[in-house]
Amino acid sequence: MEKAEFKNALKVKQVADTMAIEDMYLDREFISKMLKVASGELSSDELRQEVLNRYAR
């Protein structure tokens, strides 16, 4: 694992841990998408839109 990948994984872990403190647990699929955002493969706006499409009422 490269240094940049490690830093991205650490940032995503910190977000997941913070969410867990608030009893909001992230599934593997969402965590993998967050890693894609951290690496630049996916934009945060694209991920946000996916979440809104999936969970909007």
PDB file of N, CA and C in Angstrom:
ATOM      1  N   MET A   1       0.850  -1.181   0.000  1.00  0.00           N
ATOM      2  CA  MET A   1       0.000   0.000   0.000  1.00  0.00           C
ATOM      3  C   MET A   1       0.889   1.236   0.000  1.00  0.00           C
ATOM      4  N   GLU A   2       0.599   2.141  -0.897  1.00  0.00           N
ATOM      5  CA  GLU A   2       1.381   3.363  -0.994  1.00  0.00           C
ATOM      6  C   GLU A   2       1.036   4.313   0.149  1.00  0.00           C
ATOM      7  N   LYS A   3       1.888   5.281   0.335  1.00  0.00           N
ATOM      8  CA  LYS A   3       1.702   6.244   1.416  1.00  0.00           C
ATOM      9  C   LYS A   3       0.391   7.027   1.243  1.00  0.00           C
ATOM     10  N   ALA A   4       0.083   7.439   0.020  1.00  0.00           N
ATOM     11  CA  ALA A   4      -1.145   8.198  -0.239  1.00  0.00           C
ATOM     12  C   ALA A   4      -2.376   7.334   0.021  1.00  0.00           C
ATOM     13  N   GLU A   5      -2.323   6.058  -0.396  1.00  0.00           N
ATOM     14  CA  GLU A   5      -3.446   5.151  -0.150  1.00  0.00           C
ATOM     15  C   GLU A   5      -3.657   4.946   1.342  1.00  0.00           C
ATOM     16  N   PHE A   6      -2.557   4.835   2.082  1.00  0.00           N
ATOM     17  CA  PHE A   6      -2.645   4.662   3.523  1.00  0.00           C
ATOM     18  C   PHE A   6      -3.285   5.880   4.181  1.00  0.00           C
ATOM     19  N   LYS A   7      -2.877   7.068   3.759  1.00  0.00           N
ATOM     20  CA  LYS A   7      -3.457   8.292   4.324  1.00  0.00           C
ATOM     21  C   LYS A   7      -4.950   8.382   4.011  1.00  0.00           C
ATOM     22  N   ASN A   8      -5.333   8.022   2.778  1.00  0.00           N
ATOM     23  CA  ASN A   8      -6.754   8.037   2.408  1.00  0.00           C
ATOM     24  C   ASN A   8      -7.548   7.047   3.248  1.00  0.00           C
ATOM     25  N   ALA A   9      -6.997   5.856   3.431  1.00  0.00           N
ATOM     26  CA  ALA A   9      -7.674   4.839   4.236  1.00  0.00           C
ATOM     27  C   ALA A   9      -7.826   5.305   5.678  1.00  0.00           C
ATOM     28  N   LEU A  10      -6.822   5.972   6.192  1.00  0.00           N
ATOM     29  CA  LEU A  10      -6.881   6.478   7.560  1.00  0.00           C
ATOM     30  C   LEU A  10      -7.967   7.550   7.701  1.00  0.00           C
ATOM     31  N   LYS A  11      -8.069   8.433   6.725  1.00  0.00           N
ATOM     32  CA  LYS A  11      -9.105   9.471   6.757  1.00  0.00           C
ATOM     33  C   LYS A  11     -10.499   8.854   6.727  1.00  0.00           C
ATOM     34  N   VAL A  12     -10.684   7.855   5.862  1.00  0.00           N
ATOM     35  CA  VAL A  12     -11.987   7.193   5.764  1.00  0.00           C
ATOM     36  C   VAL A  12     -12.305   6.465   7.065  1.00  0.00           C
ATOM     37  N   LYS A  13     -11.308   5.833   7.684  1.00  0.00           N
ATOM     38  CA  LYS A  13     -11.514   5.153   8.954  1.00  0.00           C
ATOM     39  C   LYS A  13     -11.941   6.150  10.026  1.00  0.00           C
ATOM     40  N   GLN A  14     -11.334   7.320  10.037  1.00  0.00           N
ATOM     41  CA  GLN A  14     -11.704   8.333  11.020  1.00  0.00           C
ATOM     42  C   GLN A  14     -13.156   8.771  10.838  1.00  0.00           C
ATOM     43  N   VAL A  15     -13.584   8.927   9.598  1.00  0.00           N
ATOM     44  CA  VAL A  15     -14.973   9.293   9.322  1.00  0.00           C
ATOM     45  C   VAL A  15     -15.913   8.180   9.789  1.00  0.00           C
ATOM     46  N   ALA A  16     -15.579   6.935   9.450  1.00  0.00           N
ATOM     47  CA  ALA A  16     -16.417   5.798   9.849  1.00  0.00           C
ATOM     48  C   ALA A  16     -16.494   5.688  11.366  1.00  0.00           C
ATOM     49  N   ASP A  17     -15.390   5.906  12.050  1.00  0.00           N
ATOM     50  CA  ASP A  17     -15.382   5.859  13.514  1.00  0.00           C
ATOM     51  C   ASP A  17     -16.240   6.967  14.116  1.00  0.00           C
ATOM     52  N   THR A  18     -16.153   8.153  13.556  1.00  0.00           N
ATOM     53  CA  THR A  18     -16.961   9.266  14.039  1.00  0.00           C
ATOM     54  C   THR A  18     -18.449   8.986  13.836  1.00  0.00           C
ATOM     55  N   MET A  19     -18.800   8.431  12.690  1.00  0.00           N
ATOM     56  CA  MET A  19     -20.192   8.080  12.418  1.00  0.00           C
ATOM     57  C   MET A  19     -20.668   7.015  13.407  1.00  0.00           C
ATOM     58  N   ALA A  20     -19.820   6.043  13.722  1.00  0.00           N
ATOM     59  CA  ALA A  20     -20.191   4.971  14.644  1.00  0.00           C
ATOM     60  C   ALA A  20     -20.462   5.501  16.047  1.00  0.00           C
ATOM     61  N   ILE A  21     -19.752   6.537  16.443  1.00  0.00           N
ATOM     62  CA  ILE A  21     -19.996   7.150  17.753  1.00  0.00           C
ATOM     63  C   ILE A  21     -21.436   7.644  17.838  1.00  0.00           C
ATOM     64  N   GLU A  22     -21.964   8.095  16.709  1.00  0.00           N
ATOM     65  CA  GLU A  22     -23.335   8.605  16.646  1.00  0.00           C
ATOM     66  C   GLU A  22     -24.338   7.508  16.267  1.00  0.00           C
ATOM     67  N   ASP A  23     -23.930   6.235  16.379  1.00  0.00           N
ATOM     68  CA  ASP A  23     -24.773   5.081  16.027  1.00  0.00           C
ATOM     69  C   ASP A  23     -25.211   5.091  14.569  1.00  0.00           C
ATOM     70  N   MET A  24     -24.359   5.597  13.705  1.00  0.00           N
ATOM     71  CA  MET A  24     -24.604   5.562  12.265  1.00  0.00           C
ATOM     72  C   MET A  24     -23.457   4.768  11.643  1.00  0.00           C
ATOM     73  N   TYR A  25     -23.755   3.515  11.326  1.00  0.00           N
ATOM     74  CA  TYR A  25     -22.719   2.613  10.836  1.00  0.00           C
ATOM     75  C   TYR A  25     -22.733   2.566   9.314  1.00  0.00           C
ATOM     76  N   LEU A  26     -21.542   2.564   8.721  1.00  0.00           N
ATOM     77  CA  LEU A  26     -21.389   2.554   7.276  1.00  0.00           C
ATOM     78  C   LEU A  26     -21.146   1.127   6.803  1.00  0.00           C
ATOM     79  N   ASP A  27     -21.767   0.757   5.688  1.00  0.00           N
ATOM     80  CA  ASP A  27     -21.534  -0.577   5.144  1.00  0.00           C
ATOM     81  C   ASP A  27     -20.289  -0.569   4.260  1.00  0.00           C
ATOM     82  N   ARG A  28     -19.857  -1.766   3.881  1.00  0.00           N
ATOM     83  CA  ARG A  28     -18.626  -1.917   3.090  1.00  0.00           C
ATOM     84  C   ARG A  28     -18.715  -1.185   1.756  1.00  0.00           C
ATOM     85  N   GLU A  29     -19.886  -1.232   1.145  1.00  0.00           N
ATOM     86  CA  GLU A  29     -20.068  -0.579  -0.153  1.00  0.00           C
ATOM     87  C   GLU A  29     -19.826   0.930  -0.032  1.00  0.00           C
ATOM     88  N   PHE A  30     -20.399   1.551   0.998  1.00  0.00           N
ATOM     89  CA  PHE A  30     -20.241   2.993   1.167  1.00  0.00           C
ATOM     90  C   PHE A  30     -18.798   3.346   1.505  1.00  0.00           C
ATOM     91  N   ILE A  31     -18.163   2.524   2.327  1.00  0.00           N
ATOM     92  CA  ILE A  31     -16.759   2.777   2.663  1.00  0.00           C
ATOM     93  C   ILE A  31     -15.883   2.688   1.419  1.00  0.00           C
ATOM     94  N   SER A  32     -16.170   1.714   0.543  1.00  0.00           N
ATOM     95  CA  SER A  32     -15.368   1.613  -0.684  1.00  0.00           C
ATOM     96  C   SER A  32     -15.597   2.825  -1.580  1.00  0.00           C
ATOM     97  N   LYS A  33     -16.818   3.356  -1.586  1.00  0.00           N
ATOM     98  CA  LYS A  33     -17.074   4.566  -2.367  1.00  0.00           C
ATOM     99  C   LYS A  33     -16.373   5.771  -1.756  1.00  0.00           C
ATOM    100  N   MET A  34     -16.305   5.826  -0.437  1.00  0.00           N
ATOM    101  CA  MET A  34     -15.571   6.915   0.215  1.00  0.00           C
ATOM    102  C   MET A  34     -14.089   6.845  -0.126  1.00  0.00           C
ATOM    103  N   LEU A  35     -13.545   5.628  -0.232  1.00  0.00           N
ATOM    104  CA  LEU A  35     -12.146   5.480  -0.628  1.00  0.00           C
ATOM    105  C   LEU A  35     -11.935   5.975  -2.056  1.00  0.00           C
ATOM    106  N   LYS A  36     -12.926   5.742  -2.923  1.00  0.00           N
ATOM    107  CA  LYS A  36     -12.836   6.248  -4.294  1.00  0.00           C
ATOM    108  C   LYS A  36     -12.856   7.771  -4.309  1.00  0.00           C
ATOM    109  N   VAL A  37     -13.662   8.377  -3.447  1.00  0.00           N
ATOM    110  CA  VAL A  37     -13.691   9.843  -3.349  1.00  0.00           C
ATOM    111  C   VAL A  37     -12.335  10.341  -2.857  1.00  0.00           C
ATOM    112  N   ALA A  38     -11.784   9.687  -1.846  1.00  0.00           N
ATOM    113  CA  ALA A  38     -10.494  10.103  -1.290  1.00  0.00           C
ATOM    114  C   ALA A  38      -9.374   9.998  -2.317  1.00  0.00           C
ATOM    115  N   SER A  39      -9.477   9.007  -3.220  1.00  0.00           N
ATOM    116  CA  SER A  39      -8.424   8.833  -4.219  1.00  0.00           C
ATOM    117  C   SER A  39      -8.679   9.641  -5.486  1.00  0.00           C
ATOM    118  N   GLY A  40      -9.850  10.267  -5.585  1.00  0.00           N
ATOM    119  CA  GLY A  40     -10.151  11.101  -6.738  1.00  0.00           C
ATOM    120  C   GLY A  40     -10.863  10.375  -7.872  1.00  0.00           C
ATOM    121  N   GLU A  41     -11.197   9.100  -7.694  1.00  0.00           N
ATOM    122  CA  GLU A  41     -11.891   8.344  -8.736  1.00  0.00           C
ATOM    123  C   GLU A  41     -13.358   8.752  -8.852  1.00  0.00           C
ATOM    124  N   LEU A  42     -13.924   9.279  -7.774  1.00  0.00           N
ATOM    125  CA  LEU A  42     -15.332   9.656  -7.708  1.00  0.00           C
ATOM    126  C   LEU A  42     -15.401  10.996  -7.001  1.00  0.00           C
ATOM    127  N   SER A  43     -16.266  11.885  -7.461  1.00  0.00           N
ATOM    128  CA  SER A  43     -16.360  13.178  -6.786  1.00  0.00           C
ATOM    129  C   SER A  43     -17.333  13.074  -5.610  1.00  0.00           C
ATOM    130  N   SER A  44     -17.152  13.954  -4.661  1.00  0.00           N
ATOM    131  CA  SER A  44     -18.049  13.948  -3.506  1.00  0.00           C
ATOM    132  C   SER A  44     -19.476  14.293  -3.919  1.00  0.00           C
ATOM    133  N   ASP A  45     -19.626  15.114  -4.945  1.00  0.00           N
ATOM    134  CA  ASP A  45     -20.966  15.442  -5.444  1.00  0.00           C
ATOM    135  C   ASP A  45     -21.650  14.220  -6.047  1.00  0.00           C
ATOM    136  N   GLU A  46     -20.879  13.390  -6.754  1.00  0.00           N
ATOM    137  CA  GLU A  46     -21.451  12.166  -7.326  1.00  0.00           C
ATOM    138  C   GLU A  46     -21.899  11.209  -6.224  1.00  0.00           C
ATOM    139  N   LEU A  47     -21.090  11.069  -5.187  1.00  0.00           N
ATOM    140  CA  LEU A  47     -21.458  10.201  -4.065  1.00  0.00           C
ATOM    141  C   LEU A  47     -22.675  10.759  -3.339  1.00  0.00           C
ATOM    142  N   ARG A  48     -22.695  12.047  -3.144  1.00  0.00           N
ATOM    143  CA  ARG A  48     -23.835  12.695  -2.488  1.00  0.00           C
ATOM    144  C   ARG A  48     -25.114  12.434  -3.272  1.00  0.00           C
ATOM    145  N   GLN A  49     -25.040  12.552  -4.594  1.00  0.00           N
ATOM    146  CA  GLN A  49     -26.223  12.330  -5.430  1.00  0.00           C
ATOM    147  C   GLN A  49     -26.681  10.876  -5.349  1.00  0.00           C
ATOM    148  N   GLU A  50     -25.732   9.936  -5.300  1.00  0.00           N
ATOM    149  CA  GLU A  50     -26.095   8.530  -5.161  1.00  0.00           C
ATOM    150  C   GLU A  50     -26.847   8.281  -3.851  1.00  0.00           C
ATOM    151  N   VAL A  51     -26.359   8.888  -2.785  1.00  0.00           N
ATOM    152  CA  VAL A  51     -27.005   8.728  -1.480  1.00  0.00           C
ATOM    153  C   VAL A  51     -28.403   9.337  -1.508  1.00  0.00           C
ATOM    154  N   LEU A  52     -28.536  10.516  -2.090  1.00  0.00           N
ATOM    155  CA  LEU A  52     -29.849  11.143  -2.166  1.00  0.00           C
ATOM    156  C   LEU A  52     -30.825  10.307  -3.002  1.00  0.00           C
ATOM    157  N   ASN A  53     -30.363   9.777  -4.117  1.00  0.00           N
ATOM    158  CA  ASN A  53     -31.218   8.942  -4.960  1.00  0.00           C
ATOM    159  C   ASN A  53     -31.642   7.670  -4.223  1.00  0.00           C
ATOM    160  N   ARG A  54     -30.743   7.130  -3.436  1.00  0.00           N
ATOM    161  CA  ARG A  54     -31.049   5.878  -2.747  1.00  0.00           C
ATOM    162  C   ARG A  54     -31.968   6.066  -1.559  1.00  0.00           C
ATOM    163  N   TYR A  55     -31.785   7.144  -0.785  1.00  0.00           N
ATOM    164  CA  TYR A  55     -32.490   7.293   0.469  1.00  0.00           C
ATOM    165  C   TYR A  55     -33.561   8.386   0.482  1.00  0.00           C
ATOM    166  N   ALA A  56     -33.656   9.176  -0.547  1.00  0.00           N
ATOM    167  CA  ALA A  56     -34.648  10.260  -0.569  1.00  0.00           C
ATOM    168  C   ALA A  56     -36.052   9.662  -0.616  1.00  0.00           C
ATOM    169  N   ARG A  57     -36.935  10.340   0.022  1.00  0.00           N
ATOM    170  CA  ARG A  57     -38.329   9.858   0.074  1.00  0.00           C
ATOM    171  C   ARG A  57     -39.155  10.534  -0.965  1.00  0.00           C
TER     172      ARG A  57
END
